[in-house]
Amino acid sequence: MSGPVVLALRAMLAVSLYAFLAWAFLCLWREISQQGALLASRRIPPISLTVGHGTAAPDMRHFIEASITIGRDPACEYALDDEAVSARHARLSFHHNHWWLEDLGSKNGTLLNRQKLAMPTVVISKDEFTCGETCFVITLSGEDLPLPEPAPEASGQETLKIESNGDKHA
């Protein structure tokens, strides 16, 4: 082969290599941008706590924070005036798409649905937990949770309908 042909082939190889690297970095950048936008758009679903203490009227409070500390300490997000409650008694936190309740090493413990809480546990609406003499009822709001997109129907395919008697019809 002649020198100019080899030089042209080397140049084309170098250009194609740089084009491939540019395409790969562009794809990675788009993917990272999409993941960042997805994470930034996630919202913490609101949580409401209905609190009953002794004979006092129930009190409902709404929270949108990712972590709610309950205790006697005034720095807690929900400060209680209950001598049986530790300064930092329990914490509700939102992670891994669930609300979790954990006892923070309190002296009297935390009860979840009348059972002693030994480890962080996922909570759902209508769960009841007790710190000292104070009882809480959890209400979760699913309004801010993203709903799954409906799967598009494949065109040209017939769907089967099942009637109440079990017969299949096209």
N, C-alpha and C. Protein backbone atom coordinates (compact mmCIF):
# COMPACT_ATOMS: atom_id res chain seq x y z
N MET A 1 0.84 -1.18 0.00
CA MET A 1 0.00 0.00 0.00
C MET A 1 0.88 1.24 0.00
N SER A 2 0.29 2.23 -0.56
CA SER A 2 1.07 3.46 -0.62
C SER A 2 0.90 4.27 0.66
N GLY A 3 1.80 5.16 0.90
CA GLY A 3 1.81 5.98 2.11
C GLY A 3 0.55 6.81 2.29
N PRO A 4 0.06 7.51 1.25
CA PRO A 4 -1.13 8.34 1.43
C PRO A 4 -2.39 7.52 1.79
N VAL A 5 -2.51 6.30 1.27
CA VAL A 5 -3.67 5.45 1.57
C VAL A 5 -3.64 5.03 3.04
N VAL A 6 -2.46 4.63 3.52
CA VAL A 6 -2.33 4.23 4.92
C VAL A 6 -2.60 5.42 5.83
N LEU A 7 -2.11 6.59 5.46
CA LEU A 7 -2.36 7.79 6.25
C LEU A 7 -3.84 8.13 6.29
N ALA A 8 -4.54 7.99 5.17
CA ALA A 8 -5.99 8.27 5.10
C ALA A 8 -6.76 7.26 5.96
N LEU A 9 -6.37 6.00 5.91
CA LEU A 9 -7.04 4.98 6.74
C LEU A 9 -6.82 5.25 8.23
N ARG A 10 -5.61 5.66 8.61
CA ARG A 10 -5.32 5.98 10.01
C ARG A 10 -6.15 7.18 10.47
N ALA A 11 -6.26 8.19 9.60
CA ALA A 11 -7.04 9.38 9.94
C ALA A 11 -8.52 9.02 10.11
N MET A 12 -9.06 8.18 9.20
CA MET A 12 -10.47 7.77 9.31
C MET A 12 -10.68 6.94 10.57
N LEU A 13 -9.73 6.11 10.92
CA LEU A 13 -9.83 5.32 12.14
C LEU A 13 -9.83 6.23 13.37
N ALA A 14 -8.96 7.23 13.39
CA ALA A 14 -8.89 8.16 14.52
C ALA A 14 -10.19 8.96 14.62
N VAL A 15 -10.71 9.45 13.50
CA VAL A 15 -11.96 10.22 13.50
C VAL A 15 -13.11 9.35 13.98
N SER A 16 -13.19 8.11 13.51
CA SER A 16 -14.29 7.23 13.93
C SER A 16 -14.17 6.89 15.42
N LEU A 17 -12.95 6.72 15.93
CA LEU A 17 -12.76 6.46 17.35
C LEU A 17 -13.22 7.65 18.18
N TYR A 18 -12.84 8.87 17.81
CA TYR A 18 -13.27 10.06 18.53
C TYR A 18 -14.78 10.27 18.42
N ALA A 19 -15.36 9.96 17.30
CA ALA A 19 -16.82 10.07 17.13
C ALA A 19 -17.53 9.08 18.05
N PHE A 20 -17.01 7.86 18.14
CA PHE A 20 -17.59 6.87 19.04
C PHE A 20 -17.51 7.32 20.50
N LEU A 21 -16.35 7.83 20.90
CA LEU A 21 -16.20 8.32 22.28
C LEU A 21 -17.14 9.48 22.56
N ALA A 22 -17.29 10.40 21.62
CA ALA A 22 -18.21 11.52 21.80
C ALA A 22 -19.64 11.01 21.93
N TRP A 23 -20.03 10.04 21.12
CA TRP A 23 -21.38 9.45 21.20
C TRP A 23 -21.59 8.77 22.56
N ALA A 24 -20.59 8.04 23.04
CA ALA A 24 -20.72 7.34 24.33
C ALA A 24 -20.87 8.34 25.47
N PHE A 25 -20.06 9.41 25.47
CA PHE A 25 -20.17 10.41 26.52
C PHE A 25 -21.51 11.15 26.45
N LEU A 26 -22.00 11.41 25.26
CA LEU A 26 -23.30 12.06 25.10
C LEU A 26 -24.42 11.17 25.67
N CYS A 27 -24.37 9.88 25.40
CA CYS A 27 -25.38 8.95 25.94
C CYS A 27 -25.30 8.90 27.47
N LEU A 28 -24.11 8.84 28.01
CA LEU A 28 -23.95 8.84 29.47
C LEU A 28 -24.47 10.13 30.09
N TRP A 29 -24.17 11.27 29.49
CA TRP A 29 -24.62 12.56 29.99
C TRP A 29 -26.14 12.64 29.98
N ARG A 30 -26.78 12.17 28.91
CA ARG A 30 -28.25 12.17 28.85
C ARG A 30 -28.85 11.29 29.94
N GLU A 31 -28.27 10.12 30.14
CA GLU A 31 -28.78 9.20 31.16
C GLU A 31 -28.66 9.80 32.56
N ILE A 32 -27.51 10.41 32.85
CA ILE A 32 -27.31 11.03 34.16
C ILE A 32 -28.26 12.21 34.33
N SER A 33 -28.47 12.98 33.30
CA SER A 33 -29.41 14.11 33.38
C SER A 33 -30.83 13.62 33.65
N GLN A 34 -31.26 12.56 32.99
CA GLN A 34 -32.59 12.01 33.21
C GLN A 34 -32.74 11.49 34.63
N GLN A 35 -31.73 10.78 35.14
CA GLN A 35 -31.79 10.26 36.50
C GLN A 35 -31.83 11.41 37.51
N GLY A 36 -31.05 12.45 37.27
CA GLY A 36 -31.06 13.60 38.16
C GLY A 36 -32.41 14.30 38.16
N ALA A 37 -33.02 14.45 37.00
CA ALA A 37 -34.35 15.08 36.92
C ALA A 37 -35.39 14.22 37.63
N LEU A 38 -35.29 12.91 37.49
CA LEU A 38 -36.23 12.01 38.15
C LEU A 38 -36.10 12.12 39.66
N LEU A 39 -34.88 12.11 40.17
CA LEU A 39 -34.67 12.22 41.62
C LEU A 39 -35.11 13.58 42.15
N ALA A 40 -34.88 14.63 41.36
CA ALA A 40 -35.26 15.97 41.80
C ALA A 40 -36.78 16.14 41.82
N SER A 41 -37.47 15.41 40.98
CA SER A 41 -38.93 15.57 40.90
C SER A 41 -39.67 14.73 41.94
N ARG A 42 -38.99 13.82 42.60
CA ARG A 42 -39.65 13.00 43.63
C ARG A 42 -40.04 13.86 44.81
N ARG A 43 -41.21 13.59 45.31
CA ARG A 43 -41.70 14.32 46.47
C ARG A 43 -41.92 13.35 47.61
N ILE A 44 -41.79 13.89 48.78
CA ILE A 44 -42.06 13.11 49.98
C ILE A 44 -43.56 13.17 50.22
N PRO A 45 -44.22 12.02 50.30
CA PRO A 45 -45.66 12.07 50.55
C PRO A 45 -45.94 12.60 51.95
N PRO A 46 -46.92 13.48 52.07
CA PRO A 46 -47.23 14.04 53.39
C PRO A 46 -47.71 12.96 54.35
N ILE A 47 -47.45 13.20 55.61
CA ILE A 47 -47.90 12.30 56.66
C ILE A 47 -48.62 13.13 57.71
N SER A 48 -49.69 12.58 58.24
CA SER A 48 -50.44 13.25 59.30
C SER A 48 -50.44 12.37 60.53
N LEU A 49 -50.31 13.01 61.68
CA LEU A 49 -50.35 12.30 62.95
C LEU A 49 -51.50 12.84 63.76
N THR A 50 -52.41 11.93 64.14
CA THR A 50 -53.49 12.28 65.05
C THR A 50 -53.04 11.84 66.43
N VAL A 51 -52.99 12.80 67.35
CA VAL A 51 -52.39 12.55 68.66
C VAL A 51 -53.46 12.61 69.72
N GLY A 52 -53.48 11.58 70.55
CA GLY A 52 -54.37 11.56 71.71
C GLY A 52 -53.55 11.39 72.96
N HIS A 53 -53.80 12.24 73.94
CA HIS A 53 -53.05 12.16 75.20
C HIS A 53 -54.05 12.23 76.34
N GLY A 54 -54.24 11.10 76.99
CA GLY A 54 -55.17 11.05 78.12
C GLY A 54 -56.58 11.39 77.69
N THR A 55 -57.21 12.36 78.36
CA THR A 55 -58.59 12.73 78.05
C THR A 55 -58.66 13.96 77.16
N ALA A 56 -57.51 14.51 76.73
CA ALA A 56 -57.50 15.69 75.88
C ALA A 56 -58.06 15.35 74.50
N ALA A 57 -58.60 16.38 73.84
CA ALA A 57 -59.15 16.18 72.49
C ALA A 57 -58.01 15.82 71.53
N PRO A 58 -58.29 14.93 70.56
CA PRO A 58 -57.24 14.55 69.60
C PRO A 58 -56.77 15.77 68.79
N ASP A 59 -55.48 15.79 68.51
CA ASP A 59 -54.86 16.87 67.76
C ASP A 59 -54.25 16.26 66.50
N MET A 60 -54.51 16.86 65.32
CA MET A 60 -53.94 16.34 64.08
C MET A 60 -52.92 17.34 63.55
N ARG A 61 -51.73 16.82 63.23
CA ARG A 61 -50.68 17.65 62.65
C ARG A 61 -50.21 17.02 61.35
N HIS A 62 -49.90 17.88 60.38
CA HIS A 62 -49.45 17.44 59.06
C HIS A 62 -47.98 17.78 58.89
N PHE A 63 -47.22 16.86 58.28
CA PHE A 63 -45.79 17.05 58.07
C PHE A 63 -45.44 16.74 56.63
N ILE A 64 -44.47 17.48 56.09
CA ILE A 64 -43.95 17.20 54.75
C ILE A 64 -42.44 17.00 54.78
N GLU A 65 -41.86 16.97 55.97
CA GLU A 65 -40.42 16.74 56.11
C GLU A 65 -40.11 15.26 55.92
N ALA A 66 -38.85 14.96 55.60
CA ALA A 66 -38.43 13.57 55.40
C ALA A 66 -38.14 12.87 56.72
N SER A 67 -37.98 13.63 57.80
CA SER A 67 -37.70 13.03 59.10
C SER A 67 -38.42 13.83 60.18
N ILE A 68 -39.12 13.11 61.05
CA ILE A 68 -39.88 13.73 62.13
C ILE A 68 -39.44 13.07 63.43
N THR A 69 -38.83 13.87 64.31
CA THR A 69 -38.39 13.36 65.60
C THR A 69 -39.45 13.71 66.64
N ILE A 70 -39.76 12.73 67.49
CA ILE A 70 -40.77 12.89 68.53
C ILE A 70 -40.09 12.73 69.88
N GLY A 71 -40.36 13.66 70.79
CA GLY A 71 -39.77 13.57 72.12
C GLY A 71 -40.09 14.81 72.95
N ARG A 72 -39.52 14.87 74.15
CA ARG A 72 -39.74 16.01 75.05
C ARG A 72 -38.87 17.21 74.68
N ASP A 73 -37.78 16.98 73.99
CA ASP A 73 -36.86 18.06 73.62
C ASP A 73 -37.57 19.07 72.73
N PRO A 74 -37.53 20.36 73.05
CA PRO A 74 -38.18 21.37 72.21
C PRO A 74 -37.64 21.43 70.79
N ALA A 75 -36.44 20.89 70.56
CA ALA A 75 -35.87 20.88 69.21
C ALA A 75 -36.49 19.79 68.33
N CYS A 76 -37.27 18.89 68.89
CA CYS A 76 -37.94 17.84 68.11
C CYS A 76 -39.01 18.46 67.22
N GLU A 77 -39.28 17.83 66.10
CA GLU A 77 -40.34 18.31 65.21
C GLU A 77 -41.71 18.19 65.87
N TYR A 78 -41.87 17.19 66.72
CA TYR A 78 -43.10 17.06 67.50
C TYR A 78 -42.70 16.92 68.96
N ALA A 79 -42.74 18.04 69.68
CA ALA A 79 -42.36 18.06 71.09
C ALA A 79 -43.57 17.72 71.95
N LEU A 80 -43.38 16.81 72.91
CA LEU A 80 -44.47 16.36 73.77
C LEU A 80 -44.23 16.80 75.22
N ASP A 81 -45.32 17.02 75.92
CA ASP A 81 -45.25 17.32 77.35
C ASP A 81 -45.74 16.08 78.08
N ASP A 82 -44.91 15.04 78.10
CA ASP A 82 -45.27 13.75 78.68
C ASP A 82 -44.03 13.25 79.40
N GLU A 83 -44.11 13.09 80.72
CA GLU A 83 -42.95 12.68 81.52
C GLU A 83 -42.47 11.27 81.18
N ALA A 84 -43.31 10.44 80.58
CA ALA A 84 -42.91 9.07 80.23
C ALA A 84 -42.19 9.01 78.89
N VAL A 85 -42.02 10.16 78.22
CA VAL A 85 -41.38 10.22 76.91
C VAL A 85 -39.95 10.71 77.08
N SER A 86 -39.02 10.09 76.37
CA SER A 86 -37.62 10.51 76.41
C SER A 86 -37.43 11.82 75.64
N ALA A 87 -36.28 12.44 75.83
CA ALA A 87 -36.00 13.70 75.14
C ALA A 87 -36.08 13.52 73.62
N ARG A 88 -35.48 12.46 73.11
CA ARG A 88 -35.58 12.08 71.68
C ARG A 88 -36.06 10.64 71.70
N HIS A 89 -37.37 10.46 71.60
CA HIS A 89 -38.00 9.16 71.85
C HIS A 89 -38.07 8.29 70.59
N ALA A 90 -38.64 8.83 69.50
CA ALA A 90 -38.85 8.04 68.28
C ALA A 90 -38.68 8.94 67.07
N ARG A 91 -38.51 8.29 65.90
CA ARG A 91 -38.37 9.05 64.66
C ARG A 91 -39.17 8.37 63.55
N LEU A 92 -39.90 9.19 62.80
CA LEU A 92 -40.53 8.76 61.55
C LEU A 92 -39.66 9.32 60.43
N SER A 93 -39.24 8.47 59.50
CA SER A 93 -38.41 8.95 58.40
C SER A 93 -38.86 8.31 57.10
N PHE A 94 -38.72 9.07 56.02
CA PHE A 94 -39.12 8.59 54.70
C PHE A 94 -37.87 8.27 53.90
N HIS A 95 -37.71 7.01 53.54
CA HIS A 95 -36.64 6.58 52.64
C HIS A 95 -37.05 5.26 52.01
N HIS A 96 -36.45 4.96 50.87
CA HIS A 96 -36.76 3.76 50.11
C HIS A 96 -38.26 3.69 49.79
N ASN A 97 -38.88 4.86 49.54
CA ASN A 97 -40.29 4.99 49.17
C ASN A 97 -41.26 4.51 50.25
N HIS A 98 -40.85 4.50 51.49
CA HIS A 98 -41.73 4.11 52.60
C HIS A 98 -41.46 5.00 53.80
N TRP A 99 -42.48 5.12 54.65
CA TRP A 99 -42.30 5.76 55.95
C TRP A 99 -41.88 4.69 56.94
N TRP A 100 -40.87 4.99 57.75
CA TRP A 100 -40.32 4.07 58.73
C TRP A 100 -40.44 4.68 60.11
N LEU A 101 -40.74 3.85 61.10
CA LEU A 101 -40.78 4.27 62.49
C LEU A 101 -39.66 3.54 63.22
N GLU A 102 -38.89 4.29 64.02
CA GLU A 102 -37.83 3.66 64.81
C GLU A 102 -37.78 4.29 66.19
N ASP A 103 -37.47 3.46 67.15
CA ASP A 103 -37.28 3.92 68.52
C ASP A 103 -35.84 4.40 68.63
N LEU A 104 -35.64 5.53 69.28
CA LEU A 104 -34.29 6.12 69.38
C LEU A 104 -33.62 5.78 70.71
N GLY A 105 -33.84 4.55 71.18
CA GLY A 105 -33.22 4.12 72.43
C GLY A 105 -33.92 4.72 73.64
N SER A 106 -35.23 4.90 73.54
CA SER A 106 -35.97 5.50 74.65
C SER A 106 -36.02 4.57 75.85
N LYS A 107 -36.21 5.15 77.01
CA LYS A 107 -36.22 4.37 78.25
C LYS A 107 -37.45 3.46 78.32
N ASN A 108 -38.62 3.97 77.96
CA ASN A 108 -39.86 3.20 78.05
C ASN A 108 -40.24 2.49 76.75
N GLY A 109 -39.50 2.70 75.68
CA GLY A 109 -39.77 2.03 74.41
C GLY A 109 -40.92 2.66 73.64
N THR A 110 -41.09 2.20 72.44
CA THR A 110 -42.15 2.65 71.55
C THR A 110 -42.97 1.43 71.15
N LEU A 111 -44.28 1.55 71.21
CA LEU A 111 -45.18 0.46 70.82
C LEU A 111 -45.77 0.78 69.46
N LEU A 112 -45.74 -0.18 68.55
CA LEU A 112 -46.38 -0.06 67.24
C LEU A 112 -47.47 -1.11 67.17
N ASN A 113 -48.70 -0.65 67.05
CA ASN A 113 -49.86 -1.55 67.04
C ASN A 113 -49.81 -2.48 68.26
N ARG A 114 -49.51 -1.90 69.42
CA ARG A 114 -49.48 -2.56 70.73
C ARG A 114 -48.36 -3.58 70.90
N GLN A 115 -47.36 -3.53 70.02
CA GLN A 115 -46.21 -4.41 70.16
C GLN A 115 -44.95 -3.56 70.24
N LYS A 116 -44.03 -3.98 71.11
CA LYS A 116 -42.80 -3.21 71.31
C LYS A 116 -41.99 -3.19 70.02
N LEU A 117 -41.53 -2.01 69.67
CA LEU A 117 -40.76 -1.80 68.45
C LEU A 117 -39.30 -2.12 68.73
N ALA A 118 -38.76 -3.12 68.04
CA ALA A 118 -37.38 -3.54 68.28
C ALA A 118 -36.42 -3.03 67.22
N MET A 119 -36.92 -2.76 66.01
CA MET A 119 -36.08 -2.30 64.91
C MET A 119 -36.90 -1.35 64.04
N PRO A 120 -36.25 -0.55 63.20
CA PRO A 120 -37.02 0.33 62.31
C PRO A 120 -38.00 -0.51 61.48
N THR A 121 -39.24 -0.02 61.40
CA THR A 121 -40.31 -0.78 60.76
C THR A 121 -41.11 0.12 59.83
N VAL A 122 -41.51 -0.41 58.69
CA VAL A 122 -42.36 0.33 57.74
C VAL A 122 -43.74 0.50 58.35
N VAL A 123 -44.30 1.71 58.24
CA VAL A 123 -45.63 1.98 58.75
C VAL A 123 -46.56 2.33 57.59
N ILE A 124 -47.85 2.09 57.80
CA ILE A 124 -48.87 2.40 56.80
C ILE A 124 -49.98 3.19 57.47
N SER A 125 -50.92 3.66 56.67
CA SER A 125 -52.05 4.41 57.22
C SER A 125 -52.80 3.56 58.23
N LYS A 126 -53.29 4.23 59.24
CA LYS A 126 -54.07 3.65 60.34
C LYS A 126 -53.23 2.87 61.33
N ASP A 127 -51.91 2.83 61.16
CA ASP A 127 -51.06 2.24 62.20
C ASP A 127 -51.09 3.14 63.42
N GLU A 128 -51.03 2.53 64.59
CA GLU A 128 -51.02 3.27 65.85
C GLU A 128 -49.70 2.99 66.56
N PHE A 129 -49.09 4.06 67.07
CA PHE A 129 -47.91 3.86 67.89
C PHE A 129 -48.01 4.72 69.14
N THR A 130 -47.33 4.25 70.18
CA THR A 130 -47.41 4.91 71.48
C THR A 130 -46.02 5.26 71.98
N CYS A 131 -45.89 6.50 72.42
CA CYS A 131 -44.68 6.98 73.07
C CYS A 131 -45.11 7.44 74.46
N GLY A 132 -44.66 6.74 75.49
CA GLY A 132 -45.08 7.08 76.84
C GLY A 132 -46.58 6.88 76.99
N GLU A 133 -47.29 7.94 77.38
CA GLU A 133 -48.75 7.88 77.53
C GLU A 133 -49.46 8.49 76.32
N THR A 134 -48.72 8.86 75.29
CA THR A 134 -49.28 9.53 74.12
C THR A 134 -49.44 8.54 72.98
N CYS A 135 -50.63 8.51 72.40
CA CYS A 135 -50.94 7.58 71.31
C CYS A 135 -51.06 8.37 70.00
N PHE A 136 -50.45 7.86 68.94
CA PHE A 136 -50.47 8.48 67.62
C PHE A 136 -51.15 7.55 66.62
N VAL A 137 -51.92 8.11 65.71
CA VAL A 137 -52.48 7.35 64.58
C VAL A 137 -51.91 7.98 63.32
N ILE A 138 -51.35 7.16 62.45
CA ILE A 138 -50.69 7.63 61.23
C ILE A 138 -51.69 7.65 60.08
N THR A 139 -51.67 8.73 59.30
CA THR A 139 -52.43 8.81 58.06
C THR A 139 -51.46 9.25 56.98
N LEU A 140 -51.30 8.41 55.97
CA LEU A 140 -50.42 8.73 54.85
C LEU A 140 -51.26 9.23 53.69
N SER A 141 -50.73 10.18 52.96
CA SER A 141 -51.41 10.71 51.78
C SER A 141 -50.65 10.23 50.56
N GLY A 142 -51.32 9.53 49.66
CA GLY A 142 -50.68 9.03 48.45
C GLY A 142 -50.84 9.95 47.27
N GLU A 143 -51.30 11.19 47.49
CA GLU A 143 -51.55 12.09 46.37
C GLU A 143 -50.29 12.45 45.62
N ASP A 144 -49.14 12.50 46.29
CA ASP A 144 -47.92 12.91 45.63
C ASP A 144 -47.09 11.74 45.11
N LEU A 145 -47.58 10.52 45.30
CA LEU A 145 -46.84 9.38 44.78
C LEU A 145 -47.05 9.27 43.28
N PRO A 146 -46.00 9.03 42.49
CA PRO A 146 -46.17 8.90 41.05
C PRO A 146 -46.95 7.64 40.72
N LEU A 147 -47.93 7.79 39.86
CA LEU A 147 -48.71 6.64 39.43
C LEU A 147 -48.03 5.99 38.24
N PRO A 148 -48.07 4.66 38.15
CA PRO A 148 -47.44 3.99 37.01
C PRO A 148 -48.20 4.31 35.74
N GLU A 149 -47.44 4.45 34.66
CA GLU A 149 -48.05 4.71 33.35
C GLU A 149 -48.77 3.45 32.88
N PRO A 150 -49.97 3.60 32.30
CA PRO A 150 -50.65 2.41 31.77
C PRO A 150 -49.88 1.86 30.58
N ALA A 151 -49.82 0.55 30.50
CA ALA A 151 -49.10 -0.09 29.41
C ALA A 151 -49.88 0.11 28.11
N PRO A 152 -49.21 0.55 27.05
CA PRO A 152 -49.92 0.74 25.78
C PRO A 152 -50.33 -0.60 25.22
N GLU A 153 -51.54 -0.64 24.67
CA GLU A 153 -52.02 -1.89 24.07
C GLU A 153 -51.34 -2.10 22.74
N ALA A 154 -51.00 -3.33 22.47
CA ALA A 154 -50.36 -3.66 21.20
C ALA A 154 -51.40 -3.59 20.10
N SER A 155 -51.07 -2.87 19.05
CA SER A 155 -52.04 -2.71 17.96
C SER A 155 -52.12 -3.98 17.15
N GLY A 156 -53.31 -4.28 16.67
CA GLY A 156 -53.50 -5.44 15.83
C GLY A 156 -53.71 -6.73 16.60
N GLN A 157 -53.70 -6.68 17.93
CA GLN A 157 -53.93 -7.89 18.71
C GLN A 157 -55.29 -7.80 19.36
N GLU A 158 -55.98 -8.91 19.37
CA GLU A 158 -57.28 -8.96 19.99
C GLU A 158 -57.12 -9.21 21.48
N THR A 159 -57.96 -8.59 22.28
CA THR A 159 -57.93 -8.84 23.71
C THR A 159 -59.06 -9.78 24.07
N LEU A 160 -58.82 -10.62 25.06
CA LEU A 160 -59.83 -11.56 25.51
C LEU A 160 -60.63 -10.95 26.64
N LYS A 161 -61.92 -11.09 26.59
CA LYS A 161 -62.79 -10.63 27.65
C LYS A 161 -63.36 -11.84 28.35
N ILE A 162 -63.29 -11.86 29.65
CA ILE A 162 -63.81 -12.99 30.42
C ILE A 162 -65.09 -12.53 31.10
N GLU A 163 -66.16 -13.20 30.77
CA GLU A 163 -67.44 -12.87 31.37
C GLU A 163 -67.54 -13.55 32.72
N SER A 164 -68.57 -13.20 33.48
CA SER A 164 -68.71 -13.71 34.83
C SER A 164 -68.89 -15.23 34.89
N ASN A 165 -69.36 -15.84 33.82
CA ASN A 165 -69.51 -17.29 33.84
C ASN A 165 -68.24 -18.02 33.41
N GLY A 166 -67.17 -17.27 33.11
CA GLY A 166 -65.88 -17.90 32.78
C GLY A 166 -65.66 -18.13 31.32
N ASP A 167 -66.62 -17.84 30.42
CA ASP A 167 -66.43 -18.03 29.00
C ASP A 167 -65.51 -16.94 28.45
N LYS A 168 -64.66 -17.32 27.49
CA LYS A 168 -63.75 -16.35 26.87
C LYS A 168 -64.34 -15.96 25.52
N HIS A 169 -64.29 -14.68 25.23
CA HIS A 169 -64.78 -14.16 23.96
C HIS A 169 -63.73 -13.23 23.38
N ALA A 170 -63.59 -13.23 22.08
CA ALA A 170 -62.62 -12.35 21.41
C ALA A 170 -63.22 -10.99 21.19
